[in-house]
């Protein structure tokens, strides 16, 4: 998939000296991929947040298959760490939702600087 270049939108009522407004155009395949990532990330986060505290946690096959991990597996610290990773996944998915909703406007690329005579320099 080829990268999508941001487009500059001309606005007649804006000051010509002001920085241009960049619009990032995404095709539907890119948006679908982001949407699927959001769903998977949220579901994994919800599972990791809740499942370590259910009764099924102690009776799953990992605890019985690897007896040397049983103490770690039943530790509240380990369960809390997994819940923290789950909350982090939920946070990432919500951040992606806000980024997907805000695809209409983005910051201008950092590699494009205004001309040197347009830069405002302050002297002390």
C-alpha atoms as a PDB file:
ATOM      1  CA  UNK A   1       0.000   0.000   0.000  1.00  0.00           C
ATOM      2  CA  UNK A   2       1.449   3.352  -0.958  1.00  0.00           C
ATOM      3  CA  UNK A   3       1.622   6.163   1.611  1.00  0.00           C
ATOM      4  CA  UNK A   4      -0.910   8.939   1.352  1.00  0.00           C
ATOM      5  CA  UNK A   5       0.481  12.451   1.095  1.00  0.00           C
ATOM      6  CA  UNK A   6      -1.284  15.204   3.035  1.00  0.00           C
ATOM      7  CA  UNK A   7      -3.122  17.699   0.854  1.00  0.00           C
ATOM      8  CA  UNK A   8      -3.074  21.453   1.325  1.00  0.00           C
ATOM      9  CA  UNK A   9      -6.553  22.961   1.384  1.00  0.00           C
ATOM     10  CA  UNK A  10      -6.841  26.476   0.011  1.00  0.00           C
ATOM     11  CA  UNK A  11      -9.115  28.697   2.088  1.00  0.00           C
ATOM     12  CA  UNK A  12      -9.849  32.128   0.600  1.00  0.00           C
ATOM     13  CA  UNK A  13     -10.821  33.716   3.927  1.00  0.00           C
ATOM     14  CA  UNK A  14      -7.538  32.797   5.629  1.00  0.00           C
ATOM     15  CA  UNK A  15      -4.549  35.063   5.883  1.00  0.00           C
ATOM     16  CA  UNK A  16      -2.034  34.149   3.145  1.00  0.00           C
ATOM     17  CA  UNK A  17       0.793  34.621   5.649  1.00  0.00           C
ATOM     18  CA  UNK A  18      -0.660  31.960   7.979  1.00  0.00           C
ATOM     19  CA  UNK A  19       0.485  28.361   7.840  1.00  0.00           C
ATOM     20  CA  UNK A  20      -1.496  26.187   5.435  1.00  0.00           C
ATOM     21  CA  UNK A  21      -4.020  23.649   6.715  1.00  0.00           C
ATOM     22  CA  UNK A  22      -2.990  20.078   6.017  1.00  0.00           C
ATOM     23  CA  UNK A  23      -5.637  17.427   5.496  1.00  0.00           C
ATOM     24  CA  UNK A  24      -4.564  13.797   5.733  1.00  0.00           C
ATOM     25  CA  UNK A  25      -6.575  11.646   3.349  1.00  0.00           C
ATOM     26  CA  UNK A  26      -7.002   7.974   4.286  1.00  0.00           C
ATOM     27  CA  UNK A  27      -8.474   5.383   2.019  1.00  0.00           C
ATOM     28  CA  UNK A  28     -11.098   2.946   3.295  1.00  0.00           C
ATOM     29  CA  UNK A  29      -8.638   0.034   3.627  1.00  0.00           C
ATOM     30  CA  UNK A  30      -6.465   2.052   5.994  1.00  0.00           C
ATOM     31  CA  UNK A  31      -9.484   3.083   8.072  1.00  0.00           C
ATOM     32  CA  UNK A  32     -10.717  -0.518   8.190  1.00  0.00           C
ATOM     33  CA  UNK A  33      -7.305  -1.668   9.418  1.00  0.00           C
ATOM     34  CA  UNK A  34      -7.311   0.960  12.156  1.00  0.00           C
ATOM     35  CA  UNK A  35     -10.869   0.009  13.126  1.00  0.00           C
ATOM     36  CA  UNK A  36      -9.944  -3.689  13.397  1.00  0.00           C
ATOM     37  CA  UNK A  37      -6.877  -2.798  15.460  1.00  0.00           C
ATOM     38  CA  UNK A  38      -9.098  -0.773  17.805  1.00  0.00           C
ATOM     39  CA  UNK A  39     -11.526  -3.666  18.254  1.00  0.00           C
ATOM     40  CA  UNK A  40      -8.802  -6.257  18.890  1.00  0.00           C
ATOM     41  CA  UNK A  41      -6.884  -3.983  21.247  1.00  0.00           C
ATOM     42  CA  UNK A  42     -10.017  -3.179  23.255  1.00  0.00           C
ATOM     43  CA  UNK A  43     -11.113  -6.818  23.497  1.00  0.00           C
ATOM     44  CA  UNK A  44      -7.678  -8.020  24.591  1.00  0.00           C
ATOM     45  CA  UNK A  45      -7.552  -5.208  27.139  1.00  0.00           C
ATOM     46  CA  UNK A  46     -10.974  -6.040  28.550  1.00  0.00           C
ATOM     47  CA  UNK A  47     -10.048  -9.735  28.774  1.00  0.00           C
ATOM     48  CA  UNK A  48      -6.718  -9.064  30.508  1.00  0.00           C
ATOM     49  CA  UNK A  49      -8.357  -6.635  32.922  1.00  0.00           C
ATOM     50  CA  UNK A  50     -11.166  -8.945  34.045  1.00  0.00           C
ATOM     51  CA  UNK A  51     -10.087 -12.586  33.552  1.00  0.00           C
ATOM     52  CA  UNK A  52      -7.253 -12.781  36.123  1.00  0.00           C
ATOM     53  CA  UNK A  53      -9.787 -12.049  38.886  1.00  0.00           C
ATOM     54  CA  UNK A  54     -12.371 -14.701  37.916  1.00  0.00           C
ATOM     55  CA  UNK A  55     -12.562 -18.219  39.447  1.00  0.00           C
ATOM     56  CA  UNK A  56     -11.600 -19.769  36.082  1.00  0.00           C
ATOM     57  CA  UNK A  57      -8.135 -18.227  36.392  1.00  0.00           C
ATOM     58  CA  UNK A  58      -6.996 -20.777  38.988  1.00  0.00           C
ATOM     59  CA  UNK A  59      -8.348 -23.775  37.090  1.00  0.00           C
ATOM     60  CA  UNK A  60      -6.957 -23.084  33.614  1.00  0.00           C
ATOM     61  CA  UNK A  61      -4.463 -25.390  31.938  1.00  0.00           C
ATOM     62  CA  UNK A  62      -1.407 -23.119  32.235  1.00  0.00           C
ATOM     63  CA  UNK A  63      -1.373 -23.404  36.033  1.00  0.00           C
ATOM     64  CA  UNK A  64      -1.710 -27.200  35.927  1.00  0.00           C
ATOM     65  CA  UNK A  65       0.613 -27.770  32.952  1.00  0.00           C
ATOM     66  CA  UNK A  66       3.550 -25.839  34.392  1.00  0.00           C
ATOM     67  CA  UNK A  67       3.703 -26.532  38.134  1.00  0.00           C
ATOM     68  CA  UNK A  68       6.779 -24.353  38.684  1.00  0.00           C
ATOM     69  CA  UNK A  69       4.723 -21.314  37.572  1.00  0.00           C
ATOM     70  CA  UNK A  70       1.832 -22.038  39.944  1.00  0.00           C
ATOM     71  CA  UNK A  71       3.038 -19.643  42.669  1.00  0.00           C
ATOM     72  CA  UNK A  72       3.550 -16.825  40.183  1.00  0.00           C
ATOM     73  CA  UNK A  73       0.259 -17.613  38.458  1.00  0.00           C
ATOM     74  CA  UNK A  74      -1.739 -17.320  41.694  1.00  0.00           C
ATOM     75  CA  UNK A  75       0.078 -14.194  42.886  1.00  0.00           C
ATOM     76  CA  UNK A  76      -2.040 -11.063  43.244  1.00  0.00           C
ATOM     77  CA  UNK A  77       0.889  -8.988  41.981  1.00  0.00           C
ATOM     78  CA  UNK A  78       0.986 -10.959  38.727  1.00  0.00           C
ATOM     79  CA  UNK A  79      -2.773 -10.648  38.326  1.00  0.00           C
ATOM     80  CA  UNK A  80      -2.537  -6.920  38.956  1.00  0.00           C
ATOM     81  CA  UNK A  81       0.258  -6.578  36.404  1.00  0.00           C
ATOM     82  CA  UNK A  82      -1.865  -8.350  33.791  1.00  0.00           C
ATOM     83  CA  UNK A  83      -4.804  -6.107  34.634  1.00  0.00           C
ATOM     84  CA  UNK A  84      -2.512  -3.112  34.203  1.00  0.00           C
ATOM     85  CA  UNK A  85      -1.481  -4.346  30.758  1.00  0.00           C
ATOM     86  CA  UNK A  86      -5.181  -4.757  29.971  1.00  0.00           C
ATOM     87  CA  UNK A  87      -5.916  -1.188  31.026  1.00  0.00           C
ATOM     88  CA  UNK A  88      -3.008  -0.021  28.885  1.00  0.00           C
ATOM     89  CA  UNK A  89      -4.531  -1.837  25.893  1.00  0.00           C
ATOM     90  CA  UNK A  90      -7.878  -0.149  26.531  1.00  0.00           C
ATOM     91  CA  UNK A  91      -6.143   3.230  26.766  1.00  0.00           C
ATOM     92  CA  UNK A  92      -4.337   2.609  23.465  1.00  0.00           C
ATOM     93  CA  UNK A  93      -7.583   1.632  21.750  1.00  0.00           C
ATOM     94  CA  UNK A  94      -9.324   4.786  22.995  1.00  0.00           C
ATOM     95  CA  UNK A  95      -6.384   6.861  21.783  1.00  0.00           C
ATOM     96  CA  UNK A  96      -6.681   5.250  18.360  1.00  0.00           C
ATOM     97  CA  UNK A  97     -10.409   6.057  18.315  1.00  0.00           C
ATOM     98  CA  UNK A  98      -9.659   9.716  18.956  1.00  0.00           C
ATOM     99  CA  UNK A  99      -6.952   9.665  16.299  1.00  0.00           C
ATOM    100  CA  UNK A 100      -9.287   8.010  13.795  1.00  0.00           C
ATOM    101  CA  UNK A 101     -12.003  10.559  14.466  1.00  0.00           C
ATOM    102  CA  UNK A 102      -9.504  13.392  14.025  1.00  0.00           C
ATOM    103  CA  UNK A 103      -8.073  12.277  10.679  1.00  0.00           C
ATOM    104  CA  UNK A 104      -9.545  15.351   9.029  1.00  0.00           C
ATOM    105  CA  UNK A 105      -6.848  17.632  10.433  1.00  0.00           C
ATOM    106  CA  UNK A 106      -3.314  16.891  11.376  1.00  0.00           C
ATOM    107  CA  UNK A 107      -0.205  18.821  12.170  1.00  0.00           C
ATOM    108  CA  UNK A 108       1.935  19.842   9.218  1.00  0.00           C
ATOM    109  CA  UNK A 109       4.909  17.637   8.461  1.00  0.00           C
ATOM    110  CA  UNK A 110       8.007  18.659  10.388  1.00  0.00           C
ATOM    111  CA  UNK A 111      10.283  18.367   7.383  1.00  0.00           C
ATOM    112  CA  UNK A 112       8.598  21.363   5.722  1.00  0.00           C
ATOM    113  CA  UNK A 113       9.619  24.604   7.333  1.00  0.00           C
ATOM    114  CA  UNK A 114       8.407  28.038   6.291  1.00  0.00           C
ATOM    115  CA  UNK A 115      10.817  30.208   4.322  1.00  0.00           C
ATOM    116  CA  UNK A 116      13.491  31.931   6.357  1.00  0.00           C
ATOM    117  CA  UNK A 117      12.026  35.413   5.803  1.00  0.00           C
ATOM    118  CA  UNK A 118       8.667  34.263   7.252  1.00  0.00           C
ATOM    119  CA  UNK A 119      10.189  33.018  10.522  1.00  0.00           C
ATOM    120  CA  UNK A 120       9.584  35.200  13.530  1.00  0.00           C
ATOM    121  CA  UNK A 121      12.720  35.621  15.599  1.00  0.00           C
ATOM    122  CA  UNK A 122      12.647  37.223  18.997  1.00  0.00           C
ATOM    123  CA  UNK A 123      15.656  38.945  20.454  1.00  0.00           C
ATOM    124  CA  UNK A 124      16.240  39.477  24.127  1.00  0.00           C
END
